[in-house]
Amino acid sequence: MKNLVPIFLFAVLAASTAQARDTRLHLDFAEAVKSGLSDGTLDGSVSFHLAGAPTPAISKRLGVANSNRKTNAVNKSDEEACRWVLMSVLLAMQDQARSRGANAVVDITSNYKKQEFSSPTQYECAAGAIMAGVALKGTYATVSR
């Protein structure tokens, strides 16, 4: 019986590690923002611009933007959970931008678990069996419209 205890503990640890999925997805940012605008999740008062993407002329930079959110991914596709959590991040940034007098967030990069991912067209989302997460950083700014 003593010999079975280490085997049992190893089996439990191996099973829990196997279930801990953290898949990194790179998804279309403009499509997600467009969807958020069309369904009313985002109100259009703040525009969002990934680093390296075309950005209107910046007249003033108003500080660092950071938002990191997670959402329940149970019974959702990875893409659905990622869109949901991205909207949560963008809503937080939209509210913070307005409170600072900004009308844009520029130079946005993904920063999940402090690992930077930069693309002019995509954001990074980490999807697991239970949770999905998005972390973005950028700069609050006023831009010409």
N, C-alpha and C. Protein backbone atom coordinates (compact mmCIF):
# COMPACT_ATOMS: atom_id res chain seq x y z
N MET A 1 0.82 -1.20 0.00
CA MET A 1 0.00 0.00 0.00
C MET A 1 0.87 1.26 0.00
N LYS A 2 1.98 1.25 0.76
CA LYS A 2 2.87 2.40 0.81
C LYS A 2 3.39 2.76 -0.57
N ASN A 3 3.64 1.75 -1.39
CA ASN A 3 4.18 1.98 -2.73
C ASN A 3 3.16 2.61 -3.66
N LEU A 4 1.89 2.48 -3.36
CA LEU A 4 0.84 3.03 -4.23
C LEU A 4 0.63 4.53 -4.02
N VAL A 5 0.96 5.04 -2.85
CA VAL A 5 0.73 6.46 -2.55
C VAL A 5 1.51 7.36 -3.51
N PRO A 6 2.82 7.16 -3.73
CA PRO A 6 3.52 8.02 -4.68
C PRO A 6 2.97 7.90 -6.10
N ILE A 7 2.57 6.73 -6.50
CA ILE A 7 2.01 6.54 -7.84
C ILE A 7 0.69 7.30 -7.97
N PHE A 8 -0.15 7.21 -6.93
CA PHE A 8 -1.42 7.92 -6.94
C PHE A 8 -1.21 9.43 -7.01
N LEU A 9 -0.29 9.95 -6.20
CA LEU A 9 -0.01 11.40 -6.21
C LEU A 9 0.51 11.85 -7.57
N PHE A 10 1.38 11.08 -8.16
CA PHE A 10 1.90 11.41 -9.49
C PHE A 10 0.77 11.44 -10.52
N ALA A 11 -0.13 10.48 -10.46
CA ALA A 11 -1.25 10.42 -11.41
C ALA A 11 -2.16 11.63 -11.26
N VAL A 12 -2.43 12.04 -10.03
CA VAL A 12 -3.29 13.21 -9.80
C VAL A 12 -2.62 14.48 -10.33
N LEU A 13 -1.35 14.66 -10.05
CA LEU A 13 -0.63 15.84 -10.53
C LEU A 13 -0.54 15.86 -12.05
N ALA A 14 -0.30 14.72 -12.66
CA ALA A 14 -0.20 14.65 -14.11
C ALA A 14 -1.54 14.98 -14.76
N ALA A 15 -2.62 14.50 -14.18
CA ALA A 15 -3.95 14.77 -14.74
C ALA A 15 -4.30 16.25 -14.63
N SER A 16 -4.00 16.88 -13.50
CA SER A 16 -4.34 18.29 -13.35
C SER A 16 -3.50 19.16 -14.27
N THR A 17 -2.24 18.80 -14.50
CA THR A 17 -1.39 19.55 -15.41
C THR A 17 -1.88 19.42 -16.84
N ALA A 18 -2.34 18.26 -17.22
CA ALA A 18 -2.82 18.04 -18.58
C ALA A 18 -4.07 18.86 -18.87
N GLN A 19 -4.87 19.15 -17.84
CA GLN A 19 -6.10 19.91 -18.04
C GLN A 19 -5.87 21.42 -18.04
N ALA A 20 -4.71 21.87 -17.67
CA ALA A 20 -4.42 23.31 -17.57
C ALA A 20 -4.00 23.86 -18.93
N ARG A 21 -4.97 24.10 -19.79
CA ARG A 21 -4.70 24.60 -21.14
C ARG A 21 -4.57 26.11 -21.11
N ASP A 22 -3.62 26.63 -21.85
CA ASP A 22 -3.40 28.07 -21.95
C ASP A 22 -3.00 28.36 -23.40
N THR A 23 -3.95 28.20 -24.30
CA THR A 23 -3.70 28.36 -25.73
C THR A 23 -3.66 29.84 -26.08
N ARG A 24 -2.59 30.28 -26.75
CA ARG A 24 -2.47 31.67 -27.18
C ARG A 24 -3.06 31.79 -28.58
N LEU A 25 -4.06 32.65 -28.71
CA LEU A 25 -4.71 32.89 -29.99
C LEU A 25 -4.39 34.31 -30.44
N HIS A 26 -4.21 34.49 -31.74
CA HIS A 26 -4.01 35.82 -32.32
C HIS A 26 -5.21 36.07 -33.23
N LEU A 27 -6.03 37.03 -32.82
CA LEU A 27 -7.32 37.27 -33.47
C LEU A 27 -7.39 38.68 -34.05
N ASP A 28 -8.28 38.84 -35.02
CA ASP A 28 -8.43 40.11 -35.74
C ASP A 28 -9.01 41.19 -34.83
N PHE A 29 -8.24 42.24 -34.62
CA PHE A 29 -8.62 43.33 -33.72
C PHE A 29 -9.70 44.21 -34.34
N ALA A 30 -9.51 44.64 -35.58
CA ALA A 30 -10.46 45.55 -36.22
C ALA A 30 -11.85 44.91 -36.32
N GLU A 31 -11.88 43.64 -36.64
CA GLU A 31 -13.16 42.93 -36.73
C GLU A 31 -13.88 42.92 -35.38
N ALA A 32 -13.13 42.68 -34.31
CA ALA A 32 -13.72 42.65 -32.98
C ALA A 32 -14.23 44.03 -32.57
N VAL A 33 -13.45 45.08 -32.85
CA VAL A 33 -13.87 46.45 -32.51
C VAL A 33 -15.11 46.81 -33.32
N LYS A 34 -15.12 46.48 -34.59
CA LYS A 34 -16.28 46.77 -35.45
C LYS A 34 -17.53 46.07 -34.90
N SER A 35 -17.38 44.83 -34.49
CA SER A 35 -18.49 44.09 -33.92
C SER A 35 -18.98 44.75 -32.62
N GLY A 36 -18.04 45.20 -31.78
CA GLY A 36 -18.41 45.87 -30.53
C GLY A 36 -19.13 47.19 -30.77
N LEU A 37 -18.75 47.89 -31.83
CA LEU A 37 -19.43 49.13 -32.18
C LEU A 37 -20.83 48.86 -32.73
N SER A 38 -20.93 47.84 -33.58
CA SER A 38 -22.23 47.57 -34.21
C SER A 38 -23.25 47.01 -33.23
N ASP A 39 -22.80 46.27 -32.21
CA ASP A 39 -23.78 45.73 -31.26
C ASP A 39 -23.99 46.65 -30.05
N GLY A 40 -23.31 47.81 -30.03
CA GLY A 40 -23.51 48.79 -28.98
C GLY A 40 -22.68 48.57 -27.73
N THR A 41 -21.82 47.56 -27.73
CA THR A 41 -20.95 47.35 -26.57
C THR A 41 -20.01 48.54 -26.40
N LEU A 42 -19.41 48.98 -27.49
CA LEU A 42 -18.56 50.18 -27.50
C LEU A 42 -19.38 51.34 -28.04
N ASP A 43 -19.18 52.55 -27.50
CA ASP A 43 -20.02 53.67 -27.92
C ASP A 43 -19.41 54.56 -29.01
N GLY A 44 -18.15 54.29 -29.41
CA GLY A 44 -17.53 55.08 -30.48
C GLY A 44 -16.90 56.38 -30.03
N SER A 45 -16.98 56.70 -28.74
CA SER A 45 -16.38 57.95 -28.25
C SER A 45 -14.86 57.87 -28.18
N VAL A 46 -14.33 56.65 -28.19
CA VAL A 46 -12.89 56.42 -28.11
C VAL A 46 -12.52 55.46 -29.24
N SER A 47 -11.47 55.80 -29.98
CA SER A 47 -10.99 54.89 -31.03
C SER A 47 -9.78 54.14 -30.50
N PHE A 48 -9.55 52.96 -31.06
CA PHE A 48 -8.49 52.08 -30.60
C PHE A 48 -7.56 51.77 -31.77
N HIS A 49 -6.24 51.92 -31.53
CA HIS A 49 -5.26 51.77 -32.61
C HIS A 49 -4.09 50.91 -32.14
N LEU A 50 -3.92 49.77 -32.79
CA LEU A 50 -2.80 48.89 -32.46
C LEU A 50 -1.48 49.52 -32.88
N ALA A 51 -0.42 49.19 -32.17
CA ALA A 51 0.93 49.66 -32.53
C ALA A 51 1.25 49.17 -33.94
N GLY A 52 1.72 50.07 -34.77
CA GLY A 52 2.06 49.72 -36.14
C GLY A 52 0.93 49.90 -37.14
N ALA A 53 -0.28 50.12 -36.65
CA ALA A 53 -1.44 50.33 -37.52
C ALA A 53 -1.56 51.82 -37.82
N PRO A 54 -2.20 52.18 -38.94
CA PRO A 54 -2.43 53.60 -39.22
C PRO A 54 -3.20 54.26 -38.07
N THR A 55 -2.74 55.42 -37.66
CA THR A 55 -3.33 56.16 -36.54
C THR A 55 -3.51 57.61 -36.95
N PRO A 56 -4.65 58.22 -36.63
CA PRO A 56 -4.80 59.66 -36.91
C PRO A 56 -3.72 60.46 -36.19
N ALA A 57 -3.54 61.69 -36.61
CA ALA A 57 -2.53 62.55 -35.99
C ALA A 57 -2.81 62.70 -34.49
N ILE A 58 -1.78 62.48 -33.69
CA ILE A 58 -1.90 62.57 -32.24
C ILE A 58 -1.57 64.00 -31.82
N SER A 59 -2.52 64.66 -31.14
CA SER A 59 -2.26 66.02 -30.68
C SER A 59 -1.76 66.04 -29.24
N LYS A 60 -2.12 65.04 -28.45
CA LYS A 60 -1.68 65.02 -27.05
C LYS A 60 -1.70 63.60 -26.52
N ARG A 61 -0.64 63.22 -25.81
CA ARG A 61 -0.57 61.94 -25.11
C ARG A 61 -0.93 62.17 -23.65
N LEU A 62 -1.79 61.31 -23.11
CA LEU A 62 -2.34 61.55 -21.78
C LEU A 62 -2.08 60.42 -20.79
N GLY A 63 -1.02 59.68 -20.99
CA GLY A 63 -0.65 58.67 -20.00
C GLY A 63 -0.81 57.24 -20.48
N VAL A 64 -0.28 56.37 -19.68
CA VAL A 64 -0.24 54.93 -19.99
C VAL A 64 -1.60 54.29 -19.79
N ALA A 65 -1.97 53.43 -20.72
CA ALA A 65 -3.21 52.67 -20.63
C ALA A 65 -2.86 51.21 -20.39
N ASN A 66 -3.48 50.61 -19.39
CA ASN A 66 -3.31 49.20 -19.10
C ASN A 66 -4.64 48.61 -18.68
N SER A 67 -4.95 47.44 -19.20
CA SER A 67 -6.13 46.73 -18.72
C SER A 67 -5.88 45.24 -18.91
N ASN A 68 -6.23 44.48 -17.89
CA ASN A 68 -6.03 43.04 -17.89
C ASN A 68 -7.30 42.41 -17.33
N ARG A 69 -7.97 41.63 -18.13
CA ARG A 69 -9.24 41.02 -17.70
C ARG A 69 -9.26 39.54 -18.04
N LYS A 70 -10.07 38.83 -17.29
CA LYS A 70 -10.33 37.41 -17.57
C LYS A 70 -11.83 37.22 -17.56
N THR A 71 -12.27 36.17 -18.25
CA THR A 71 -13.69 35.85 -18.26
C THR A 71 -13.87 34.34 -18.24
N ASN A 72 -15.04 33.95 -17.87
CA ASN A 72 -15.42 32.54 -17.85
C ASN A 72 -15.49 32.04 -19.29
N ALA A 73 -14.81 30.95 -19.57
CA ALA A 73 -14.80 30.39 -20.92
C ALA A 73 -15.59 29.08 -21.02
N VAL A 74 -16.22 28.68 -19.93
CA VAL A 74 -16.96 27.43 -19.92
C VAL A 74 -18.13 27.52 -20.90
N ASN A 75 -18.28 26.51 -21.71
CA ASN A 75 -19.35 26.40 -22.72
C ASN A 75 -19.29 27.50 -23.78
N LYS A 76 -18.12 28.07 -23.99
CA LYS A 76 -17.93 29.06 -25.07
C LYS A 76 -16.79 28.55 -25.95
N SER A 77 -16.86 28.90 -27.23
CA SER A 77 -15.71 28.62 -28.09
C SER A 77 -14.58 29.56 -27.66
N ASP A 78 -13.35 29.22 -28.01
CA ASP A 78 -12.23 30.10 -27.68
C ASP A 78 -12.44 31.49 -28.25
N GLU A 79 -12.90 31.56 -29.50
CA GLU A 79 -13.10 32.85 -30.16
C GLU A 79 -14.18 33.67 -29.45
N GLU A 80 -15.26 33.02 -29.03
CA GLU A 80 -16.35 33.71 -28.34
C GLU A 80 -15.87 34.25 -26.98
N ALA A 81 -15.15 33.43 -26.23
CA ALA A 81 -14.63 33.86 -24.93
C ALA A 81 -13.63 34.99 -25.11
N CYS A 82 -12.79 34.90 -26.13
CA CYS A 82 -11.79 35.94 -26.38
C CYS A 82 -12.44 37.26 -26.77
N ARG A 83 -13.46 37.22 -27.60
CA ARG A 83 -14.16 38.45 -27.97
C ARG A 83 -14.81 39.08 -26.74
N TRP A 84 -15.41 38.24 -25.92
CA TRP A 84 -16.09 38.72 -24.71
C TRP A 84 -15.10 39.45 -23.79
N VAL A 85 -13.95 38.83 -23.55
CA VAL A 85 -12.97 39.43 -22.64
C VAL A 85 -12.29 40.65 -23.28
N LEU A 86 -12.10 40.63 -24.61
CA LEU A 86 -11.56 41.82 -25.27
C LEU A 86 -12.50 43.00 -25.08
N MET A 87 -13.80 42.79 -25.21
CA MET A 87 -14.76 43.88 -25.01
C MET A 87 -14.68 44.42 -23.58
N SER A 88 -14.46 43.55 -22.62
CA SER A 88 -14.31 43.98 -21.24
C SER A 88 -13.09 44.89 -21.08
N VAL A 89 -11.98 44.51 -21.71
CA VAL A 89 -10.76 45.32 -21.67
C VAL A 89 -10.99 46.67 -22.36
N LEU A 90 -11.60 46.64 -23.54
CA LEU A 90 -11.82 47.88 -24.29
C LEU A 90 -12.80 48.81 -23.58
N LEU A 91 -13.82 48.25 -22.93
CA LEU A 91 -14.75 49.08 -22.16
C LEU A 91 -14.02 49.78 -21.01
N ALA A 92 -13.15 49.06 -20.32
CA ALA A 92 -12.38 49.66 -19.23
C ALA A 92 -11.50 50.78 -19.78
N MET A 93 -10.85 50.54 -20.92
CA MET A 93 -10.00 51.57 -21.51
C MET A 93 -10.83 52.76 -22.01
N GLN A 94 -12.00 52.48 -22.58
CA GLN A 94 -12.88 53.55 -23.05
C GLN A 94 -13.28 54.46 -21.89
N ASP A 95 -13.68 53.87 -20.77
CA ASP A 95 -14.08 54.65 -19.60
C ASP A 95 -12.91 55.47 -19.06
N GLN A 96 -11.75 54.86 -18.97
CA GLN A 96 -10.57 55.56 -18.46
C GLN A 96 -10.14 56.67 -19.41
N ALA A 97 -10.21 56.41 -20.72
CA ALA A 97 -9.85 57.44 -21.70
C ALA A 97 -10.75 58.66 -21.56
N ARG A 98 -12.05 58.44 -21.47
CA ARG A 98 -12.98 59.56 -21.33
C ARG A 98 -12.72 60.34 -20.06
N SER A 99 -12.41 59.63 -18.96
CA SER A 99 -12.16 60.33 -17.70
C SER A 99 -10.88 61.17 -17.76
N ARG A 100 -9.96 60.86 -18.68
CA ARG A 100 -8.72 61.62 -18.84
C ARG A 100 -8.83 62.68 -19.93
N GLY A 101 -9.98 62.74 -20.61
CA GLY A 101 -10.14 63.68 -21.69
C GLY A 101 -9.56 63.19 -23.01
N ALA A 102 -9.34 61.90 -23.12
CA ALA A 102 -8.78 61.31 -24.35
C ALA A 102 -9.91 60.82 -25.25
N ASN A 103 -9.64 60.78 -26.55
CA ASN A 103 -10.62 60.21 -27.48
C ASN A 103 -10.04 59.01 -28.23
N ALA A 104 -8.88 58.52 -27.76
CA ALA A 104 -8.25 57.37 -28.41
C ALA A 104 -7.30 56.66 -27.45
N VAL A 105 -7.06 55.41 -27.77
CA VAL A 105 -5.97 54.66 -27.15
C VAL A 105 -5.09 54.23 -28.33
N VAL A 106 -3.83 54.62 -28.29
CA VAL A 106 -2.90 54.38 -29.41
C VAL A 106 -1.75 53.48 -28.96
N ASP A 107 -1.03 52.98 -29.94
CA ASP A 107 0.14 52.14 -29.68
C ASP A 107 -0.19 50.93 -28.81
N ILE A 108 -1.34 50.31 -29.07
CA ILE A 108 -1.80 49.19 -28.26
C ILE A 108 -1.02 47.93 -28.61
N THR A 109 -0.53 47.25 -27.58
CA THR A 109 0.08 45.93 -27.73
C THR A 109 -0.55 45.00 -26.70
N SER A 110 -0.52 43.71 -27.01
CA SER A 110 -0.96 42.71 -26.04
C SER A 110 0.17 42.50 -25.04
N ASN A 111 -0.21 42.21 -23.80
CA ASN A 111 0.80 42.07 -22.75
C ASN A 111 0.37 41.01 -21.74
N TYR A 112 -0.10 39.87 -22.23
CA TYR A 112 -0.61 38.82 -21.36
C TYR A 112 0.54 38.18 -20.60
N LYS A 113 0.41 38.10 -19.29
CA LYS A 113 1.45 37.59 -18.39
C LYS A 113 2.78 38.28 -18.65
N LYS A 114 2.70 39.57 -18.94
CA LYS A 114 3.87 40.42 -19.19
C LYS A 114 4.74 39.94 -20.35
N GLN A 115 4.13 39.21 -21.28
CA GLN A 115 4.81 38.79 -22.51
C GLN A 115 4.19 39.60 -23.64
N GLU A 116 4.97 40.51 -24.19
CA GLU A 116 4.43 41.41 -25.20
C GLU A 116 4.26 40.72 -26.54
N PHE A 117 3.12 40.99 -27.16
CA PHE A 117 2.82 40.57 -28.53
C PHE A 117 2.35 41.82 -29.25
N SER A 118 3.00 42.14 -30.35
CA SER A 118 2.65 43.34 -31.09
C SER A 118 2.36 42.98 -32.54
N SER A 119 1.24 43.46 -33.02
CA SER A 119 0.84 43.25 -34.41
C SER A 119 -0.02 44.43 -34.82
N PRO A 120 0.08 44.89 -36.06
CA PRO A 120 -0.78 45.99 -36.50
C PRO A 120 -2.22 45.55 -36.78
N THR A 121 -2.50 44.24 -36.71
CA THR A 121 -3.84 43.76 -37.05
C THR A 121 -4.45 42.81 -36.02
N GLN A 122 -3.65 42.25 -35.11
CA GLN A 122 -4.16 41.21 -34.22
C GLN A 122 -3.87 41.52 -32.75
N TYR A 123 -4.73 40.97 -31.89
CA TYR A 123 -4.51 40.99 -30.45
C TYR A 123 -4.33 39.55 -29.99
N GLU A 124 -3.73 39.40 -28.81
CA GLU A 124 -3.50 38.07 -28.27
C GLU A 124 -4.47 37.79 -27.13
N CYS A 125 -5.00 36.57 -27.14
CA CYS A 125 -5.89 36.11 -26.09
C CYS A 125 -5.39 34.74 -25.64
N ALA A 126 -5.41 34.51 -24.35
CA ALA A 126 -5.06 33.20 -23.81
C ALA A 126 -6.36 32.50 -23.42
N ALA A 127 -6.61 31.36 -24.03
CA ALA A 127 -7.85 30.64 -23.78
C ALA A 127 -7.54 29.30 -23.10
N GLY A 128 -8.30 29.00 -22.08
CA GLY A 128 -8.17 27.74 -21.37
C GLY A 128 -9.51 27.06 -21.28
N ALA A 129 -9.55 25.95 -20.59
CA ALA A 129 -10.79 25.19 -20.44
C ALA A 129 -11.81 25.94 -19.60
N ILE A 130 -11.33 26.79 -18.67
CA ILE A 130 -12.23 27.47 -17.74
C ILE A 130 -12.22 28.98 -17.92
N MET A 131 -11.07 29.56 -18.24
CA MET A 131 -10.94 31.02 -18.32
C MET A 131 -10.29 31.44 -19.64
N ALA A 132 -10.58 32.68 -20.03
CA ALA A 132 -9.88 33.32 -21.16
C ALA A 132 -9.43 34.69 -20.66
N GLY A 133 -8.27 35.13 -21.14
CA GLY A 133 -7.74 36.40 -20.67
C GLY A 133 -7.13 37.23 -21.77
N VAL A 134 -7.26 38.55 -21.64
CA VAL A 134 -6.65 39.51 -22.55
C VAL A 134 -6.05 40.62 -21.70
N ALA A 135 -4.84 41.00 -22.03
CA ALA A 135 -4.17 42.14 -21.38
C ALA A 135 -3.65 43.03 -22.49
N LEU A 136 -4.02 44.30 -22.44
CA LEU A 136 -3.55 45.28 -23.42
C LEU A 136 -2.89 46.44 -22.71
N LYS A 137 -1.89 47.02 -23.38
CA LYS A 137 -1.31 48.26 -22.89
C LYS A 137 -1.16 49.20 -24.08
N GLY A 138 -1.19 50.47 -23.80
CA GLY A 138 -1.08 51.48 -24.85
C GLY A 138 -0.94 52.85 -24.22
N THR A 139 -1.39 53.87 -24.94
CA THR A 139 -1.30 55.25 -24.46
C THR A 139 -2.63 55.95 -24.73
N TYR A 140 -3.16 56.62 -23.71
CA TYR A 140 -4.34 57.46 -23.89
C TYR A 140 -3.90 58.70 -24.66
N ALA A 141 -4.73 59.13 -25.62
CA ALA A 141 -4.34 60.27 -26.43
C ALA A 141 -5.57 60.99 -26.98
N THR A 142 -5.33 62.21 -27.44
CA THR A 142 -6.33 62.89 -28.26
C THR A 142 -5.80 62.86 -29.69
N VAL A 143 -6.69 62.50 -30.59
CA VAL A 143 -6.33 62.40 -32.01
C VAL A 143 -7.33 63.22 -32.82
N SER A 144 -6.90 63.61 -34.02
CA SER A 144 -7.83 64.29 -34.94
C SER A 144 -8.76 63.23 -35.50
N ARG A 145 -9.99 63.63 -35.75
CA ARG A 145 -10.96 62.66 -36.28
C ARG A 145 -11.39 63.04 -37.66
